[in-house]
N, C-alpha and C. Protein backbone atom coordinates (compact mmCIF):
# COMPACT_ATOMS: atom_id res chain seq x y z
N LYS A 1 109.52 106.93 64.00
CA LYS A 1 110.78 106.39 63.52
C LYS A 1 111.81 107.50 63.40
N VAL A 2 113.03 107.18 63.75
CA VAL A 2 114.16 108.09 63.57
C VAL A 2 115.15 107.38 62.67
N ASN A 3 115.46 108.00 61.54
CA ASN A 3 116.38 107.38 60.57
C ASN A 3 115.97 105.96 60.22
N GLY A 4 114.66 105.73 60.11
CA GLY A 4 114.15 104.43 59.73
C GLY A 4 114.10 103.41 60.85
N ILE A 5 114.40 103.82 62.07
CA ILE A 5 114.40 102.90 63.21
C ILE A 5 113.20 103.21 64.10
N GLU A 6 112.51 102.18 64.51
CA GLU A 6 111.33 102.32 65.36
C GLU A 6 111.74 102.60 66.80
N VAL A 7 111.17 103.65 67.40
CA VAL A 7 111.45 103.98 68.80
C VAL A 7 110.33 103.37 69.65
N ASN A 8 110.71 102.54 70.62
CA ASN A 8 109.73 101.89 71.50
C ASN A 8 109.22 102.82 72.58
N ASN A 9 110.14 103.50 73.24
CA ASN A 9 109.76 104.37 74.34
C ASN A 9 110.87 105.38 74.61
N VAL A 10 110.53 106.35 75.46
CA VAL A 10 111.49 107.36 75.89
C VAL A 10 111.53 107.29 77.41
N MET A 11 112.68 106.92 77.95
CA MET A 11 112.85 106.86 79.40
C MET A 11 113.44 108.18 79.88
N VAL A 12 112.82 108.77 80.90
CA VAL A 12 113.27 110.05 81.44
C VAL A 12 113.82 109.82 82.84
N GLU A 13 115.02 110.35 83.09
CA GLU A 13 115.63 110.23 84.40
C GLU A 13 115.93 111.62 84.95
N GLU A 14 115.82 111.74 86.28
CA GLU A 14 116.10 113.00 86.97
C GLU A 14 117.27 112.80 87.92
N LYS A 15 118.13 113.81 88.01
CA LYS A 15 119.28 113.73 88.91
C LYS A 15 118.79 113.91 90.34
N ASN A 16 119.17 112.99 91.23
CA ASN A 16 118.76 113.10 92.63
C ASN A 16 119.81 113.88 93.43
N SER A 17 119.60 113.99 94.73
CA SER A 17 120.49 114.79 95.58
C SER A 17 121.90 114.21 95.66
N ASN A 18 122.07 112.94 95.32
CA ASN A 18 123.40 112.31 95.30
C ASN A 18 124.11 112.49 93.97
N GLY A 19 123.45 113.17 93.02
CA GLY A 19 124.04 113.38 91.71
C GLY A 19 123.89 112.20 90.77
N GLU A 20 123.04 111.24 91.14
CA GLU A 20 122.79 110.08 90.30
C GLU A 20 121.43 110.22 89.64
N TYR A 21 121.31 109.67 88.44
CA TYR A 21 120.03 109.74 87.74
C TYR A 21 119.15 108.56 88.15
N GLU A 22 117.86 108.86 88.35
CA GLU A 22 116.89 107.81 88.65
C GLU A 22 115.66 108.02 87.78
N LEU A 23 114.96 106.93 87.50
CA LEU A 23 113.83 106.96 86.59
C LEU A 23 112.74 107.90 87.09
N LEU A 24 112.34 108.83 86.25
CA LEU A 24 111.25 109.75 86.55
C LEU A 24 109.97 109.28 85.88
N LYS A 25 110.07 108.92 84.58
CA LYS A 25 108.89 108.44 83.86
C LYS A 25 109.32 107.71 82.60
N ASP A 26 108.41 106.92 82.08
CA ASP A 26 108.64 106.14 80.87
C ASP A 26 107.53 106.53 79.89
N ILE A 27 107.92 107.17 78.80
CA ILE A 27 106.94 107.62 77.80
C ILE A 27 106.78 106.52 76.76
N SER A 28 105.57 105.94 76.69
CA SER A 28 105.33 104.88 75.71
C SER A 28 104.19 105.22 74.75
N ASP A 29 103.52 106.34 74.99
CA ASP A 29 102.43 106.78 74.12
C ASP A 29 103.02 107.22 72.77
N ASN A 30 102.54 106.63 71.69
CA ASN A 30 103.09 106.90 70.36
C ASN A 30 103.03 108.37 69.97
N ASP A 31 101.95 109.06 70.31
CA ASP A 31 101.83 110.48 69.97
C ASP A 31 102.90 111.31 70.69
N GLN A 32 103.13 111.00 71.96
CA GLN A 32 104.15 111.73 72.71
C GLN A 32 105.55 111.41 72.19
N ILE A 33 105.79 110.15 71.85
CA ILE A 33 107.09 109.76 71.28
C ILE A 33 107.33 110.51 69.98
N LYS A 34 106.30 110.60 69.13
CA LYS A 34 106.44 111.32 67.86
C LYS A 34 106.78 112.79 68.10
N LYS A 35 106.17 113.40 69.12
CA LYS A 35 106.47 114.81 69.44
C LYS A 35 107.92 114.98 69.88
N VAL A 36 108.40 114.05 70.73
CA VAL A 36 109.79 114.12 71.18
C VAL A 36 110.73 113.98 69.98
N ILE A 37 110.45 113.02 69.11
CA ILE A 37 111.27 112.80 67.91
C ILE A 37 111.24 114.03 67.01
N GLY A 38 110.07 114.65 66.90
CA GLY A 38 109.95 115.87 66.10
C GLY A 38 110.89 116.96 66.59
N PHE A 39 111.00 117.12 67.92
CA PHE A 39 111.94 118.10 68.46
C PHE A 39 113.37 117.70 68.14
N ILE A 40 113.70 116.44 68.33
CA ILE A 40 115.07 115.97 68.09
C ILE A 40 115.49 116.22 66.65
N GLN A 41 114.58 115.98 65.72
CA GLN A 41 114.90 116.18 64.32
C GLN A 41 115.11 117.65 63.97
N GLU A 42 114.60 118.56 64.81
CA GLU A 42 114.75 119.99 64.59
C GLU A 42 115.98 120.58 65.29
N PHE A 43 116.61 119.82 66.18
CA PHE A 43 117.75 120.36 66.92
C PHE A 43 118.84 120.80 65.97
N ASN A 44 119.40 121.97 66.26
CA ASN A 44 120.52 122.49 65.49
C ASN A 44 121.67 122.66 66.46
N PHE A 45 122.47 121.62 66.61
CA PHE A 45 123.51 121.63 67.61
C PHE A 45 124.69 122.52 67.27
N ASP A 46 124.53 123.36 66.23
CA ASP A 46 125.57 124.32 65.89
C ASP A 46 125.44 125.59 66.73
N THR A 47 124.32 125.72 67.44
CA THR A 47 124.07 126.92 68.24
C THR A 47 125.02 126.96 69.43
N ALA A 48 125.70 128.05 69.58
CA ALA A 48 126.62 128.20 70.72
C ALA A 48 125.82 128.54 71.97
N VAL A 49 126.17 127.90 73.07
CA VAL A 49 125.53 128.18 74.36
C VAL A 49 126.62 128.63 75.32
N ASP A 50 126.42 129.82 75.89
CA ASP A 50 127.42 130.40 76.77
C ASP A 50 127.31 129.90 78.21
N GLU A 51 126.24 129.19 78.51
CA GLU A 51 126.00 128.75 79.88
C GLU A 51 126.71 127.42 80.16
N GLU A 52 127.20 127.29 81.38
CA GLU A 52 127.78 126.01 81.80
C GLU A 52 126.63 125.03 81.99
N THR A 53 126.77 123.85 81.47
CA THR A 53 125.67 122.90 81.53
C THR A 53 125.84 121.93 82.69
N LYS A 54 124.76 121.80 83.46
CA LYS A 54 124.66 120.84 84.56
C LYS A 54 123.28 120.20 84.47
N PRO A 55 123.11 119.27 83.55
CA PRO A 55 121.78 118.73 83.27
C PRO A 55 121.09 118.09 84.47
N GLN A 56 119.85 118.49 84.68
CA GLN A 56 119.02 117.92 85.74
C GLN A 56 118.32 116.65 85.25
N TYR A 57 118.12 116.56 83.93
CA TYR A 57 117.40 115.42 83.35
C TYR A 57 118.19 114.83 82.20
N GLN A 58 117.93 113.56 81.95
CA GLN A 58 118.39 112.93 80.72
C GLN A 58 117.26 112.06 80.21
N PHE A 59 117.18 111.96 78.89
CA PHE A 59 116.14 111.10 78.32
C PHE A 59 116.75 110.21 77.26
N HIS A 60 116.28 108.97 77.25
CA HIS A 60 116.83 107.93 76.39
C HIS A 60 115.77 107.48 75.39
N LEU A 61 116.12 107.45 74.12
CA LEU A 61 115.26 106.87 73.10
C LEU A 61 115.68 105.42 72.94
N ASN A 62 114.76 104.51 73.20
CA ASN A 62 115.04 103.08 73.12
C ASN A 62 114.53 102.54 71.79
N TYR A 63 115.44 101.96 71.03
CA TYR A 63 115.13 101.44 69.69
C TYR A 63 114.87 99.96 69.72
N SER A 64 114.02 99.51 68.78
CA SER A 64 113.69 98.09 68.72
C SER A 64 114.35 97.38 67.55
N SER A 65 115.00 98.10 66.66
CA SER A 65 115.57 97.49 65.46
C SER A 65 116.77 96.60 65.79
N GLU A 66 116.68 95.35 65.35
CA GLU A 66 117.79 94.43 65.53
C GLU A 66 118.88 94.70 64.49
N ASP A 67 118.57 95.45 63.43
CA ASP A 67 119.53 95.74 62.37
C ASP A 67 120.52 96.83 62.77
N SER A 68 120.20 97.55 63.81
CA SER A 68 121.01 98.71 64.18
C SER A 68 121.93 98.38 65.35
N SER A 69 123.13 98.90 65.31
CA SER A 69 124.04 98.70 66.43
C SER A 69 123.70 99.65 67.58
N VAL A 70 122.94 100.71 67.28
CA VAL A 70 122.54 101.66 68.31
C VAL A 70 121.20 101.23 68.90
N LYS A 71 121.18 100.97 70.19
CA LYS A 71 119.94 100.56 70.86
C LYS A 71 119.34 101.69 71.68
N ILE A 72 120.20 102.55 72.22
CA ILE A 72 119.73 103.67 73.04
C ILE A 72 120.51 104.93 72.66
N VAL A 73 119.79 106.03 72.51
CA VAL A 73 120.42 107.32 72.28
C VAL A 73 119.98 108.22 73.43
N THR A 74 120.95 108.88 74.06
CA THR A 74 120.67 109.68 75.25
C THR A 74 120.91 111.16 74.98
N TYR A 75 119.97 111.98 75.48
CA TYR A 75 120.08 113.44 75.43
C TYR A 75 119.94 113.97 76.85
N THR A 76 120.48 115.16 77.08
CA THR A 76 120.32 115.80 78.38
C THR A 76 119.38 116.99 78.25
N LEU A 77 118.79 117.38 79.37
CA LEU A 77 117.84 118.49 79.39
C LEU A 77 118.01 119.25 80.70
N GLU A 78 118.08 120.56 80.58
CA GLU A 78 118.15 121.38 81.79
C GLU A 78 117.52 122.74 81.51
N LYS A 79 117.12 123.41 82.58
CA LYS A 79 116.61 124.77 82.45
C LYS A 79 117.76 125.72 82.21
N SER A 80 117.50 126.76 81.43
CA SER A 80 118.50 127.80 81.24
C SER A 80 118.62 128.62 82.53
N ILE A 81 119.67 129.39 82.64
CA ILE A 81 119.90 130.18 83.85
C ILE A 81 118.73 131.10 84.15
N ASP A 82 118.15 131.72 83.11
CA ASP A 82 117.03 132.64 83.33
C ASP A 82 115.71 131.91 83.56
N GLY A 83 115.69 130.58 83.39
CA GLY A 83 114.49 129.79 83.65
C GLY A 83 113.43 129.88 82.57
N LYS A 84 113.71 130.61 81.50
CA LYS A 84 112.71 130.81 80.45
C LYS A 84 112.89 129.86 79.28
N GLY A 85 113.94 129.05 79.31
CA GLY A 85 114.20 128.13 78.22
C GLY A 85 114.85 126.87 78.73
N VAL A 86 115.09 125.95 77.82
CA VAL A 86 115.81 124.74 78.18
C VAL A 86 117.01 124.59 77.26
N ILE A 87 118.00 123.88 77.77
CA ILE A 87 119.19 123.55 77.01
C ILE A 87 119.21 122.04 76.84
N VAL A 88 119.33 121.61 75.61
CA VAL A 88 119.36 120.19 75.28
C VAL A 88 120.76 119.86 74.79
N GLY A 89 121.25 118.71 75.18
CA GLY A 89 122.58 118.31 74.74
C GLY A 89 122.67 116.83 74.46
N THR A 90 123.76 116.45 73.82
CA THR A 90 124.04 115.03 73.62
C THR A 90 124.65 114.50 74.91
N SER A 91 124.62 113.21 75.09
CA SER A 91 125.08 112.62 76.34
C SER A 91 126.56 112.88 76.62
N ASP A 92 127.35 113.11 75.57
CA ASP A 92 128.77 113.39 75.77
C ASP A 92 129.03 114.86 76.06
N GLY A 93 127.98 115.70 76.01
CA GLY A 93 128.10 117.11 76.32
C GLY A 93 128.78 117.95 75.26
N LYS A 94 129.07 117.36 74.11
CA LYS A 94 129.79 118.08 73.06
C LYS A 94 128.87 118.91 72.17
N LYS A 95 127.61 118.52 72.07
CA LYS A 95 126.66 119.25 71.23
C LYS A 95 125.52 119.74 72.11
N VAL A 96 125.31 121.06 72.11
CA VAL A 96 124.32 121.66 72.99
C VAL A 96 123.53 122.71 72.22
N GLU A 97 122.24 122.81 72.53
CA GLU A 97 121.41 123.84 71.91
C GLU A 97 120.45 124.40 72.95
N LYS A 98 120.27 125.73 72.91
CA LYS A 98 119.27 126.39 73.76
C LYS A 98 118.04 126.63 72.89
N LEU A 99 116.90 126.10 73.33
CA LEU A 99 115.66 126.23 72.56
C LEU A 99 114.98 127.55 72.88
N ASN A 100 114.15 128.01 71.93
CA ASN A 100 113.39 129.23 72.18
C ASN A 100 112.33 128.95 73.25
N GLU A 101 111.71 130.00 73.74
CA GLU A 101 110.79 129.86 74.88
C GLU A 101 109.61 128.94 74.58
N GLU A 102 109.01 129.06 73.41
CA GLU A 102 107.85 128.23 73.07
C GLU A 102 108.23 126.76 72.99
N ASP A 103 109.30 126.45 72.25
CA ASP A 103 109.75 125.05 72.14
C ASP A 103 110.20 124.51 73.49
N SER A 104 110.84 125.37 74.28
CA SER A 104 111.29 124.96 75.61
C SER A 104 110.12 124.51 76.47
N ASN A 105 109.07 125.33 76.47
CA ASN A 105 107.88 124.98 77.26
C ASN A 105 107.28 123.66 76.81
N SER A 106 107.17 123.47 75.50
CA SER A 106 106.57 122.24 74.97
C SER A 106 107.41 121.01 75.28
N LEU A 107 108.72 121.09 75.03
CA LEU A 107 109.58 119.93 75.27
C LEU A 107 109.68 119.61 76.76
N TYR A 108 109.80 120.62 77.58
CA TYR A 108 109.89 120.40 79.04
C TYR A 108 108.62 119.71 79.54
N GLN A 109 107.47 120.17 79.08
CA GLN A 109 106.20 119.56 79.47
C GLN A 109 106.17 118.09 79.05
N LEU A 110 106.62 117.80 77.83
CA LEU A 110 106.65 116.42 77.34
C LEU A 110 107.58 115.54 78.16
N ILE A 111 108.80 116.01 78.39
CA ILE A 111 109.82 115.20 79.03
C ILE A 111 109.62 115.10 80.54
N VAL A 112 109.41 116.23 81.19
CA VAL A 112 109.33 116.25 82.65
C VAL A 112 107.90 116.03 83.16
N GLY A 113 106.92 116.47 82.36
CA GLY A 113 105.53 116.26 82.76
C GLY A 113 104.95 117.39 83.56
N GLU A 114 105.63 118.53 83.59
CA GLU A 114 105.11 119.71 84.27
C GLU A 114 105.54 120.95 83.52
N PRO A 115 104.84 122.06 83.72
CA PRO A 115 105.20 123.29 83.01
C PRO A 115 106.58 123.79 83.40
N LEU A 116 107.24 124.45 82.47
CA LEU A 116 108.53 125.09 82.73
C LEU A 116 108.26 126.33 83.57
N LYS A 117 108.88 126.42 84.73
CA LYS A 117 108.62 127.57 85.62
C LYS A 117 109.90 128.35 85.80
């Protein structure tokens, strides 16, 4: 749950060669969803990022609560320029954070399904 709202799944999309996002995977395992939510709750979007962001991935948290006006929350994910970390942002690109190497590896593995290289 995020802010008391039940998350059904996390949909992950990857940008294709045409610059459009297409479905990469759908995370429905509760343990994996909890891990993704755990990262989101730790994000500190006050961190300044000097890199220009061109997200390769976006992931959507799909909510089941009928009481909430928010049904989907979208975040972006991309590798940092040095390839040792990831940069996470809000869908509007206004809030961005660069994660440390350990968290980057864990979140990238969860979202993309492969090690950060």
